[in-house]
Amino acid sequence: MYAWIWRQLPGPKALKVVEAVLLIAAVIAMLMFVVFPWAEPRLPFNGVTTN
């Protein structure tokens, strides 16, 4: 899969590295700002108590 993504990126090797870093940053930003805030209230870790 990663090889397929690498082959699909346009440009020479240096440009592909920059594009890959930007793609990874975009995925991380999407996770941090959209997916994790949506999933956090649905996780069962909010009501932790110890006796």
Protein backbone atom coordinates (compact mmCIF):
# COMPACT_ATOMS: atom_id res chain seq x y z
CA MET A 1 0.00 0.00 0.00
CA TYR A 2 2.75 2.47 0.89
CA ALA A 3 4.60 1.59 -2.30
CA TRP A 4 1.43 2.29 -4.28
CA ILE A 5 1.05 5.70 -2.60
CA TRP A 6 4.73 6.47 -3.29
CA ARG A 7 4.31 5.59 -6.97
CA GLN A 8 1.19 7.77 -7.28
CA LEU A 9 2.89 10.91 -5.93
CA PRO A 10 4.06 13.14 -8.79
CA GLY A 11 7.53 14.62 -9.16
CA PRO A 12 11.12 13.68 -8.38
CA LYS A 13 12.20 11.95 -5.19
CA ALA A 14 12.75 15.15 -3.16
CA LEU A 15 9.25 16.39 -4.01
CA LYS A 16 7.77 13.00 -3.17
CA VAL A 17 9.35 13.17 0.28
CA VAL A 18 7.80 16.60 0.90
CA GLU A 19 4.42 15.41 -0.39
CA ALA A 20 4.57 12.29 1.79
CA VAL A 21 5.36 14.37 4.89
CA LEU A 22 2.46 16.71 4.12
CA LEU A 23 0.16 13.74 3.56
CA ILE A 24 1.16 12.23 6.92
CA ALA A 25 0.66 15.61 8.64
CA ALA A 26 -2.80 15.93 7.09
CA VAL A 27 -3.80 12.48 8.32
CA ILE A 28 -2.54 13.23 11.83
CA ALA A 29 -4.37 16.58 11.86
CA MET A 30 -7.58 14.89 10.73
CA LEU A 31 -7.26 12.35 13.53
CA MET A 32 -6.46 14.95 16.21
CA PHE A 33 -9.11 17.51 15.28
CA VAL A 34 -11.97 15.37 13.92
CA VAL A 35 -11.81 11.67 14.73
CA PHE A 36 -10.47 11.66 18.30
CA PRO A 37 -12.80 14.44 19.58
CA TRP A 38 -15.75 12.58 18.04
CA ALA A 39 -14.72 9.22 19.56
CA GLU A 40 -13.66 10.44 23.02
CA PRO A 41 -17.15 10.74 24.59
CA ARG A 42 -18.05 7.30 23.23
CA LEU A 43 -15.15 5.54 24.95
CA PRO A 44 -15.87 3.74 28.23
CA PHE A 45 -12.98 5.38 30.12
CA ASN A 46 -14.88 8.44 31.41
CA GLY A 47 -16.47 6.92 34.52
CA VAL A 48 -13.44 5.31 36.16
CA THR A 49 -13.79 4.78 39.92
CA THR A 50 -11.72 2.87 42.41
CA ASN A 51 -12.95 1.29 45.64
